[in-house]
Amino acid sequence: MDRKVVIPGDLLSEEAKRSGEGTFVKDGKVYSLLYGLANCRDRINVIPLAGKYVPAPGDNVIGVVKDITFSNWIIDINSPYDGLLHISEFPKRIDADEMSKYLSLGSSTMIRVKDVDSTMKVELTLNDRKLGLLKTGRIIEINHTRVPRLIGKGGSMISMLKKELNCNIFVGQNGRIWINGGAEDMDLALKTILLIEKEAHTSGLTDRIVDFLKKEKGAGN
């Protein structure tokens, strides 16, 4: 069989040159970057089986308020399934008629998936000091399957980016990323993140990103 179902981290080949879309190279070996169908002919590509983000309990995401009902905010979480933020999951006690004062239509917020039931009812929460309304900065959207590569092993890539870019960066598991900093720093952050998304399957990416940032900063001086 030329094709097989694989999960992130599955060893696909010991020949680094065969690495293609949906894979990454470590220690000269090719591994799957995502859950999908591996095409293992000359060049190895992994086609995602789940193209859309599917929420799971504990995921930190960036959501956008799309509707307000009597006791729930309906949140777009970049998924086929909307999220429900019940008024009781807001970190401050408020009345139902005040809901739009705190989270209005179109508001963006860092939020957490609290629970997902068998019918894909997605419950959200803001009950954590790290979460809340995003009033400044910019939001960029990438393919959610690239999020692990953007974060890096043990958070290595994202830590390097925060340091080098002089920006606050919050990476949502749903592929939405919030960036906050100076205008030029945010511009460079956007370019860098899009480059990581584009080349997530290639080897030596971290070193290339470091070189890219050095050149970009040098050109700006």
Protein backbone atom coordinates (compact mmCIF):
# COMPACT_ATOMS: atom_id res chain seq x y z
CA MET A 1 0.00 0.00 0.00
CA ASP A 2 1.31 3.44 -0.94
CA ARG A 3 -1.00 5.23 1.49
CA LYS A 4 -1.59 4.75 5.22
CA VAL A 5 -3.19 6.66 8.09
CA VAL A 6 -0.60 8.28 10.37
CA ILE A 7 -0.60 10.45 13.49
CA PRO A 8 1.81 13.25 14.52
CA GLY A 9 5.24 11.85 15.33
CA ASP A 10 4.94 8.64 13.29
CA LEU A 11 8.24 7.66 11.65
CA LEU A 12 7.75 7.65 7.88
CA SER A 13 11.25 7.30 6.44
CA GLU A 14 14.93 7.37 7.32
CA GLU A 15 15.72 9.41 4.21
CA ALA A 16 15.44 13.13 4.99
CA LYS A 17 15.35 14.09 1.30
CA ARG A 18 11.92 12.42 0.98
CA SER A 19 10.29 14.93 3.35
CA GLY A 20 7.28 16.66 1.80
CA GLU A 21 4.13 18.51 2.78
CA GLY A 22 2.74 17.51 6.20
CA THR A 23 6.04 16.06 7.47
CA PHE A 24 9.09 17.23 9.39
CA VAL A 25 12.68 16.03 9.66
CA LYS A 26 14.50 15.29 12.90
CA ASP A 27 17.93 13.63 13.17
CA GLY A 28 17.80 12.81 9.46
CA LYS A 29 14.49 10.95 9.70
CA VAL A 30 11.06 11.93 8.35
CA TYR A 31 8.09 12.09 10.74
CA SER A 32 4.42 12.96 10.29
CA LEU A 33 3.48 16.50 11.30
CA LEU A 34 -0.24 15.78 11.52
CA TYR A 35 -3.05 13.26 11.56
CA GLY A 36 -3.72 12.29 7.98
CA LEU A 37 -3.09 10.04 5.02
CA ALA A 38 0.57 9.46 4.17
CA ASN A 39 1.49 9.09 0.51
CA CYS A 40 4.78 7.21 0.70
CA ARG A 41 6.01 7.15 -2.87
CA ASP A 42 9.17 8.99 -3.94
CA ARG A 43 8.38 12.07 -1.86
CA ILE A 44 6.37 11.61 1.33
CA ASN A 45 3.35 13.85 1.81
CA VAL A 46 0.72 13.70 4.54
CA ILE A 47 -2.74 14.92 3.57
CA PRO A 48 -4.73 16.02 6.65
CA LEU A 49 -7.81 13.88 7.26
CA ALA A 50 -9.31 16.57 9.46
CA GLY A 51 -8.99 19.79 7.51
CA LYS A 52 -10.92 21.83 10.06
CA TYR A 53 -10.05 22.43 13.69
CA VAL A 54 -11.96 20.07 15.98
CA PRO A 55 -12.06 21.43 19.57
CA ALA A 56 -10.95 19.38 22.54
CA PRO A 57 -11.23 20.11 26.30
CA GLY A 58 -8.32 22.20 27.54
CA ASP A 59 -7.54 23.83 24.19
CA ASN A 60 -6.71 27.53 24.39
CA VAL A 61 -8.15 29.26 21.34
CA ILE A 62 -8.99 32.69 19.95
CA GLY A 63 -12.69 33.21 19.39
CA VAL A 64 -14.87 35.93 17.89
CA VAL A 65 -18.34 36.74 19.25
CA LYS A 66 -20.90 36.08 16.50
CA ASP A 67 -24.16 36.20 18.47
CA ILE A 68 -25.54 36.87 21.95
CA THR A 69 -28.48 34.97 23.41
CA PHE A 70 -30.18 35.32 26.81
CA SER A 71 -27.39 33.60 28.76
CA ASN A 72 -24.74 32.60 26.19
CA TRP A 73 -22.31 34.27 23.88
CA ILE A 74 -22.02 32.28 20.63
CA ILE A 75 -18.34 32.19 19.69
CA ASP A 76 -16.75 31.48 16.31
CA ILE A 77 -13.69 29.33 17.11
CA ASN A 78 -12.55 28.70 13.51
CA SER A 79 -14.24 25.31 13.52
CA PRO A 80 -17.33 23.67 12.04
CA TYR A 81 -18.65 23.83 15.62
CA ASP A 82 -19.47 27.10 17.40
CA GLY A 83 -18.52 27.52 21.04
CA LEU A 84 -20.90 28.53 23.83
CA LEU A 85 -19.68 30.84 26.56
CA HIS A 86 -22.28 30.78 29.35
CA ILE A 87 -22.64 33.90 31.46
CA SER A 88 -21.50 31.87 34.51
CA GLU A 89 -18.12 31.25 32.79
CA PHE A 90 -17.40 34.99 32.61
CA PRO A 91 -14.87 35.94 35.33
CA LYS A 92 -17.14 38.66 36.73
CA ARG A 93 -20.74 38.38 37.88
CA ILE A 94 -22.91 40.23 35.37
CA ASP A 95 -26.60 40.42 34.49
CA ALA A 96 -27.90 39.03 31.20
CA ASP A 97 -28.90 42.49 29.96
CA GLU A 98 -25.29 43.69 30.40
CA MET A 99 -23.65 40.94 28.31
CA SER A 100 -22.99 43.09 25.23
CA LYS A 101 -21.20 45.69 27.38
CA TYR A 102 -18.50 43.16 28.25
CA LEU A 103 -18.31 41.09 25.04
CA SER A 104 -19.98 42.70 22.04
CA LEU A 105 -20.53 41.30 18.55
CA GLY A 106 -17.21 41.04 16.72
CA SER A 107 -15.11 41.07 19.91
CA SER A 108 -12.06 38.82 19.87
CA THR A 109 -11.04 36.95 22.99
CA MET A 110 -8.52 34.43 24.26
CA ILE A 111 -10.70 31.64 25.59
CA ARG A 112 -10.50 27.98 26.68
CA VAL A 113 -12.51 24.95 25.66
CA LYS A 114 -14.04 23.68 28.91
CA ASP A 115 -15.93 20.67 27.60
CA VAL A 116 -17.09 18.96 24.39
CA ASP A 117 -19.91 16.43 24.54
CA SER A 118 -20.82 13.59 22.17
CA THR A 119 -23.05 15.89 20.11
CA MET A 120 -20.14 18.36 19.67
CA LYS A 121 -21.67 20.94 21.96
CA VAL A 122 -18.59 23.04 22.79
CA GLU A 123 -18.57 24.80 26.17
CA LEU A 124 -16.07 27.61 26.71
CA THR A 125 -14.71 29.43 29.75
CA LEU A 126 -12.93 32.69 30.55
CA ASN A 127 -12.26 31.74 34.16
CA ASP A 128 -8.48 32.10 34.06
CA ARG A 129 -6.40 35.25 34.47
CA LYS A 130 -4.45 34.40 31.30
CA LEU A 131 -7.63 34.60 29.22
CA GLY A 132 -9.69 37.62 28.22
CA LEU A 133 -10.71 40.23 25.67
CA LEU A 134 -8.19 41.25 23.01
CA LYS A 135 -8.36 45.04 22.66
CA THR A 136 -5.03 45.75 20.95
CA GLY A 137 -2.65 44.00 18.57
CA ARG A 138 -3.38 41.93 15.49
CA ILE A 139 -4.79 38.49 14.81
CA ILE A 140 -3.49 36.23 12.06
CA GLU A 141 -4.98 32.92 10.95
CA ILE A 142 -2.93 29.92 9.81
CA ASN A 143 -3.76 26.27 9.16
CA HIS A 144 -4.28 24.75 12.61
CA THR A 145 -2.15 21.73 11.60
CA ARG A 146 0.87 24.09 11.57
CA VAL A 147 0.42 25.13 15.20
CA PRO A 148 2.73 22.39 16.62
CA ARG A 149 5.54 23.54 14.31
CA LEU A 150 5.01 27.17 15.25
CA ILE A 151 5.24 26.27 18.93
CA GLY A 152 8.22 23.95 18.41
CA LYS A 153 9.52 21.13 20.58
CA GLY A 154 9.13 22.14 24.22
CA GLY A 155 8.01 25.59 23.06
CA SER A 156 11.41 26.29 21.48
CA MET A 157 10.21 28.04 18.32
CA ILE A 158 7.62 30.31 19.93
CA SER A 159 10.02 31.25 22.76
CA MET A 160 12.63 32.26 20.21
CA LEU A 161 10.07 34.31 18.28
CA LYS A 162 8.87 36.20 21.36
CA LYS A 163 12.44 37.08 22.24
CA GLU A 164 13.62 38.04 18.74
CA LEU A 165 10.43 39.84 17.67
CA ASN A 166 9.91 41.78 20.90
CA CYS A 167 6.18 40.97 20.78
CA ASN A 168 3.61 39.23 22.94
CA ILE A 169 2.35 36.21 20.99
CA PHE A 170 -0.56 33.94 21.91
CA VAL A 171 -0.99 30.84 19.76
CA GLY A 172 -4.51 29.40 19.69
CA GLN A 173 -4.88 25.69 19.01
CA ASN A 174 -7.47 26.67 16.40
CA GLY A 175 -4.88 28.35 14.18
CA ARG A 176 -5.54 31.92 15.25
CA ILE A 177 -2.57 33.83 16.61
CA TRP A 178 -2.59 37.14 18.47
CA ILE A 179 0.42 39.43 18.18
CA ASN A 180 0.93 42.61 20.20
CA GLY A 181 3.87 44.99 20.03
CA GLY A 182 5.25 47.92 18.05
CA ALA A 183 3.96 48.34 14.48
CA GLU A 184 7.24 47.28 12.81
CA ASP A 185 7.71 44.38 15.22
CA MET A 186 4.18 43.14 14.44
CA ASP A 187 4.79 43.45 10.70
CA LEU A 188 7.89 41.27 10.99
CA ALA A 189 6.08 38.81 13.26
CA LEU A 190 3.32 38.37 10.66
CA LYS A 191 5.86 37.75 7.89
CA THR A 192 7.76 35.26 10.05
CA ILE A 193 4.69 33.28 11.11
CA LEU A 194 3.45 33.02 7.51
CA LEU A 195 6.91 31.77 6.50
CA ILE A 196 6.79 29.10 9.21
CA GLU A 197 3.33 28.03 8.02
CA LYS A 198 4.54 27.78 4.43
CA GLU A 199 7.70 25.80 5.25
CA ALA A 200 6.53 23.80 8.28
CA HIS A 201 7.30 20.50 6.51
CA THR A 202 10.91 21.35 5.66
CA SER A 203 14.06 20.45 7.59
CA GLY A 204 16.33 23.00 9.32
CA LEU A 205 13.44 25.42 9.70
CA THR A 206 14.47 26.94 13.03
CA ASP A 207 17.94 27.84 11.73
CA ARG A 208 16.42 29.36 8.59
CA ILE A 209 13.98 31.42 10.64
CA VAL A 210 16.86 32.74 12.79
CA ASP A 211 18.75 33.71 9.61
CA PHE A 212 15.62 35.29 8.13
CA LEU A 213 15.12 37.44 11.22
CA LYS A 214 18.78 38.56 11.22
CA LYS A 215 18.50 39.64 7.58
CA GLU A 216 15.17 41.40 8.10
CA LYS A 217 16.47 43.28 11.14
CA GLY A 218 19.67 44.15 9.30
CA ALA A 219 17.72 45.54 6.37
CA GLY A 220 15.66 47.66 8.70
CA ASN A 221 18.67 49.38 10.25
